[in-house]
């Protein structure tokens, strides 16, 4: 049995992302891998911010859009949301999340996230992408006002008991679809999973590794991919166990 160390995963991810960075430099000239999305219009209105310290700050007139239980979901001890800036936007009657990529991983994060959303969007388990600003490396997606499966939620245990079947079935289905489309998510934590009514959604692909069909035709890459699939499946089992859900 081959054991994959964390540093090996990080090294491999950096190699893949360097290739994605090279692709991004020519992305404005040839857009073949990702379907074009409309540019954001000028009338969009900023109504608040999303970050890992405060989670959300917005004016009271827009509180109707948000579940009050979600507003205090995370505490001040949680580090900031990487280097990416996340803003809440009002677009007519829709609330959007605008995620602007910055920092050293600006281009590869943007490219990786957009590819993953494009691959997974047709299955209904991710927020809908409405606009993309390619020049400013920003993605505008629908805000899902559901319940994140964060360990910091005081009512998480009761919620999981009520929605256990939905969580168990949808989580396995989502992970199978990710792997079938060449995506290793790597960060299957509760804060990246949201349950709304009888549906579950996954978001934030910044840490994901995307393997193209061409890459997976190479036997060494395919073998490594399958090892990562096995590791991620084991993480799913541990996550379900931690939530008190049987496989």
Protein backbone atom coordinates (compact mmCIF):
# COMPACT_ATOMS: atom_id res chain seq x y z
CA UNK A 1 0.00 0.00 0.00
CA UNK A 2 1.39 3.38 -1.04
CA UNK A 3 1.01 6.21 1.50
CA UNK A 4 0.77 9.70 0.07
CA UNK A 5 2.21 12.42 2.27
CA UNK A 6 0.66 15.88 2.51
CA UNK A 7 3.74 17.52 1.02
CA UNK A 8 3.49 15.26 -2.03
CA UNK A 9 -0.10 16.36 -2.60
CA UNK A 10 0.89 20.03 -2.25
CA UNK A 11 3.85 19.62 -4.63
CA UNK A 12 1.69 17.88 -7.20
CA UNK A 13 -1.01 20.53 -6.87
CA UNK A 14 1.54 23.30 -7.40
CA UNK A 15 2.77 21.58 -10.56
CA UNK A 16 -0.76 21.30 -11.94
CA UNK A 17 -1.50 24.90 -11.04
CA UNK A 18 1.66 26.15 -12.73
CA UNK A 19 0.32 24.62 -15.93
CA UNK A 20 -3.04 26.30 -15.27
CA UNK A 21 -1.23 29.60 -14.76
CA UNK A 22 0.39 29.26 -18.17
CA UNK A 23 -3.02 28.51 -19.66
CA UNK A 24 -4.50 31.56 -18.03
CA UNK A 25 -1.99 33.90 -19.69
CA UNK A 26 -3.51 33.04 -23.07
CA UNK A 27 -7.02 32.65 -21.72
CA UNK A 28 -8.36 35.98 -22.99
CA UNK A 29 -7.30 35.03 -26.52
CA UNK A 30 -8.56 31.44 -26.61
CA UNK A 31 -11.50 30.46 -24.40
CA UNK A 32 -12.03 26.83 -25.30
CA UNK A 33 -12.04 25.10 -21.94
CA UNK A 34 -14.69 27.22 -20.21
CA UNK A 35 -17.99 28.53 -21.54
CA UNK A 36 -18.13 32.33 -21.64
CA UNK A 37 -20.26 34.03 -19.02
CA UNK A 38 -21.70 37.55 -19.38
CA UNK A 39 -19.77 40.47 -17.95
CA UNK A 40 -21.24 42.02 -14.78
CA UNK A 41 -23.52 45.01 -15.50
CA UNK A 42 -22.92 48.43 -14.00
CA UNK A 43 -26.09 48.58 -11.88
CA UNK A 44 -24.96 45.98 -9.30
CA UNK A 45 -25.08 47.25 -5.71
CA UNK A 46 -22.69 46.21 -2.96
CA UNK A 47 -24.60 45.36 0.24
CA UNK A 48 -22.07 43.70 2.52
CA UNK A 49 -19.01 41.52 2.97
CA UNK A 50 -18.32 37.86 3.66
CA UNK A 51 -15.21 36.85 5.55
CA UNK A 52 -14.03 34.26 8.03
CA UNK A 53 -13.69 36.71 10.91
CA UNK A 54 -17.15 38.28 10.94
CA UNK A 55 -18.86 36.04 8.34
CA UNK A 56 -21.14 38.83 7.23
CA UNK A 57 -21.68 42.56 7.72
CA UNK A 58 -24.56 44.17 5.90
CA UNK A 59 -27.15 46.88 6.42
CA UNK A 60 -30.37 45.97 8.23
CA UNK A 61 -32.57 46.57 5.20
CA UNK A 62 -31.05 43.49 3.55
CA UNK A 63 -31.23 41.15 6.56
CA UNK A 64 -34.29 39.55 4.97
CA UNK A 65 -31.97 37.71 2.61
CA UNK A 66 -30.04 35.90 5.32
CA UNK A 67 -30.76 33.25 7.92
CA UNK A 68 -29.88 34.95 11.26
CA UNK A 69 -28.49 31.64 12.54
CA UNK A 70 -25.81 31.81 9.85
CA UNK A 71 -24.62 35.28 10.77
CA UNK A 72 -22.87 34.17 13.94
CA UNK A 73 -21.73 30.83 12.56
CA UNK A 74 -18.00 31.60 12.74
CA UNK A 75 -16.08 33.36 15.47
CA UNK A 76 -13.21 35.85 15.45
CA UNK A 77 -10.57 33.17 15.99
CA UNK A 78 -10.99 31.87 12.45
CA UNK A 79 -8.33 33.24 10.07
CA UNK A 80 -9.34 35.58 7.21
CA UNK A 81 -10.74 34.06 4.04
CA UNK A 82 -7.32 33.50 2.44
CA UNK A 83 -6.38 36.46 0.28
CA UNK A 84 -9.57 36.52 -1.74
CA UNK A 85 -12.12 39.26 -1.23
CA UNK A 86 -15.75 38.16 -1.04
CA UNK A 87 -18.51 40.77 -1.39
CA UNK A 88 -22.30 40.46 -1.26
CA UNK A 89 -24.01 42.06 -4.26
CA UNK A 90 -27.66 42.93 -4.95
CA UNK A 91 -28.70 42.22 -8.55
CA UNK A 92 -32.37 43.10 -8.86
CA UNK A 93 -34.06 40.65 -6.48
CA UNK A 94 -31.07 38.30 -6.42
CA UNK A 95 -28.26 38.33 -3.88
CA UNK A 96 -24.90 37.33 -5.38
CA UNK A 97 -21.51 36.55 -3.93
CA UNK A 98 -18.70 38.31 -5.75
CA UNK A 99 -15.42 36.51 -5.21
CA UNK A 100 -12.39 38.49 -6.37
CA UNK A 101 -9.11 36.60 -6.55
CA UNK A 102 -5.88 38.24 -5.42
CA UNK A 103 -2.49 37.43 -3.99
CA UNK A 104 0.19 35.04 -5.26
CA UNK A 105 -2.37 32.43 -6.35
CA UNK A 106 -4.62 34.93 -8.12
CA UNK A 107 -4.64 33.46 -11.61
CA UNK A 108 -4.43 29.76 -10.85
CA UNK A 109 -7.14 29.97 -8.15
CA UNK A 110 -9.43 31.87 -10.50
CA UNK A 111 -8.87 29.47 -13.36
CA UNK A 112 -9.18 26.36 -11.19
CA UNK A 113 -12.36 27.54 -9.51
CA UNK A 114 -14.03 28.55 -12.77
CA UNK A 115 -13.17 25.22 -14.42
CA UNK A 116 -14.61 23.29 -11.47
CA UNK A 117 -17.82 25.31 -11.39
CA UNK A 118 -18.17 24.89 -15.13
CA UNK A 119 -17.71 21.11 -14.82
CA UNK A 120 -20.07 20.71 -11.85
CA UNK A 121 -22.67 23.37 -12.60
CA UNK A 122 -24.90 21.13 -14.69
CA UNK A 123 -25.52 18.75 -11.77
CA UNK A 124 -27.22 21.31 -9.50
CA UNK A 125 -24.90 20.90 -6.50
CA UNK A 126 -23.06 24.22 -6.84
CA UNK A 127 -24.20 27.86 -6.75
CA UNK A 128 -25.14 29.16 -10.20
CA UNK A 129 -22.49 31.37 -11.80
CA UNK A 130 -24.18 34.50 -13.17
CA UNK A 131 -21.33 36.80 -14.23
CA UNK A 132 -17.56 36.55 -14.66
CA UNK A 133 -15.19 39.48 -14.91
CA UNK A 134 -12.18 37.95 -16.67
CA UNK A 135 -10.08 41.09 -16.51
CA UNK A 136 -10.63 41.63 -12.78
CA UNK A 137 -10.58 37.86 -12.01
CA UNK A 138 -13.93 37.98 -10.23
CA UNK A 139 -16.74 35.40 -10.16
CA UNK A 140 -20.34 36.36 -9.34
CA UNK A 141 -22.46 33.46 -8.06
CA UNK A 142 -25.88 33.06 -6.46
CA UNK A 143 -25.89 33.36 -2.68
CA UNK A 144 -27.41 30.22 -1.09
CA UNK A 145 -29.14 31.10 2.16
CA UNK A 146 -28.94 27.65 3.71
CA UNK A 147 -27.31 25.99 6.70
CA UNK A 148 -23.54 25.38 6.50
CA UNK A 149 -22.40 22.16 8.16
CA UNK A 150 -19.89 23.99 10.31
CA UNK A 151 -18.77 22.40 13.57
CA UNK A 152 -19.26 25.78 15.22
CA UNK A 153 -23.04 25.71 14.77
CA UNK A 154 -24.66 25.24 18.16
CA UNK A 155 -27.60 23.39 16.60
CA UNK A 156 -25.56 21.23 14.22
CA UNK A 157 -26.30 17.94 15.99
CA UNK A 158 -30.07 18.46 15.90
CA UNK A 159 -29.95 19.66 12.30
CA UNK A 160 -27.94 16.62 11.18
CA UNK A 161 -30.38 14.29 12.86
CA UNK A 162 -33.24 15.93 10.99
CA UNK A 163 -31.46 16.04 7.60
CA UNK A 164 -29.25 12.94 7.98
CA UNK A 165 -30.50 11.06 4.91
CA UNK A 166 -30.13 14.12 2.67
CA UNK A 167 -26.61 14.82 3.92
CA UNK A 168 -25.40 11.23 3.62
CA UNK A 169 -26.84 10.54 0.14
CA UNK A 170 -25.99 13.92 -1.39
CA UNK A 171 -22.46 14.07 0.01
CA UNK A 172 -21.59 10.71 -1.55
CA UNK A 173 -23.23 11.72 -4.83
CA UNK A 174 -21.36 15.03 -4.93
CA UNK A 175 -17.99 13.38 -4.26
CA UNK A 176 -18.61 10.72 -6.93
CA UNK A 177 -19.46 13.45 -9.46
CA UNK A 178 -16.34 15.42 -8.52
CA UNK A 179 -14.12 12.40 -9.12
CA UNK A 180 -15.94 11.43 -12.33
CA UNK A 181 -15.10 14.91 -13.65
CA UNK A 182 -11.43 14.77 -12.64
CA UNK A 183 -11.75 16.97 -9.55
CA UNK A 184 -10.13 16.33 -6.16
CA UNK A 185 -11.75 18.80 -3.75
CA UNK A 186 -9.20 18.39 -0.91
CA UNK A 187 -11.17 20.54 1.56
CA UNK A 188 -14.35 18.61 2.35
CA UNK A 189 -15.11 20.49 5.54
CA UNK A 190 -18.51 21.52 6.79
CA UNK A 191 -17.98 25.19 6.02
CA UNK A 192 -17.87 24.32 2.30
CA UNK A 193 -21.16 22.39 2.40
CA UNK A 194 -24.56 24.05 2.68
CA UNK A 195 -27.94 22.38 3.10
CA UNK A 196 -31.03 24.26 1.95
CA UNK A 197 -34.39 22.51 2.23
CA UNK A 198 -33.80 19.07 0.67
CA UNK A 199 -30.69 19.98 -1.32
CA UNK A 200 -26.97 20.12 -0.54
CA UNK A 201 -24.49 22.46 -2.23
CA UNK A 202 -20.71 22.53 -2.37
CA UNK A 203 -18.67 25.66 -3.06
CA UNK A 204 -15.17 27.14 -2.86
CA UNK A 205 -12.92 25.20 -5.24
CA UNK A 206 -9.83 27.33 -4.54
CA UNK A 207 -7.93 24.35 -3.09
CA UNK A 208 -9.22 21.79 -5.59
CA UNK A 209 -7.05 20.01 -8.16
CA UNK A 210 -8.55 19.56 -11.61
CA UNK A 211 -7.20 16.77 -13.83
CA UNK A 212 -8.05 17.10 -17.50
CA UNK A 213 -8.92 14.09 -19.66
CA UNK A 214 -5.57 14.48 -21.40
CA UNK A 215 -3.68 14.38 -18.09
CA UNK A 216 -5.59 11.31 -16.92
CA UNK A 217 -4.54 9.43 -20.06
CA UNK A 218 -1.01 9.41 -18.64
CA UNK A 219 -0.70 6.27 -16.51
CA UNK A 220 1.42 7.80 -13.69
CA UNK A 221 -1.04 10.70 -13.38
CA UNK A 222 -4.00 8.33 -13.46
CA UNK A 223 -2.50 6.18 -10.69
CA UNK A 224 -1.85 9.25 -8.55
CA UNK A 225 -5.36 10.54 -9.20
CA UNK A 226 -6.87 7.22 -8.07
CA UNK A 227 -4.81 7.35 -4.86
CA UNK A 228 -6.17 10.81 -4.16
CA UNK A 229 -9.69 9.54 -4.89
CA UNK A 230 -9.19 6.80 -2.31
CA UNK A 231 -7.93 9.30 0.28
CA UNK A 232 -10.86 11.64 -0.34
CA UNK A 233 -13.38 8.80 -0.07
CA UNK A 234 -11.88 7.94 3.30
CA UNK A 235 -12.27 11.57 4.37
CA UNK A 236 -15.95 11.39 3.44
CA UNK A 237 -16.39 8.31 5.64
CA UNK A 238 -14.67 10.08 8.54
CA UNK A 239 -16.80 13.20 8.00
CA UNK A 240 -20.01 11.19 8.06
CA UNK A 241 -18.84 9.38 11.18
CA UNK A 242 -18.00 12.69 12.86
CA UNK A 243 -21.52 13.91 12.08
CA UNK A 244 -22.94 10.77 13.66
CA UNK A 245 -24.23 9.42 10.36
CA UNK A 246 -23.86 5.78 9.27
CA UNK A 247 -22.37 5.07 5.86
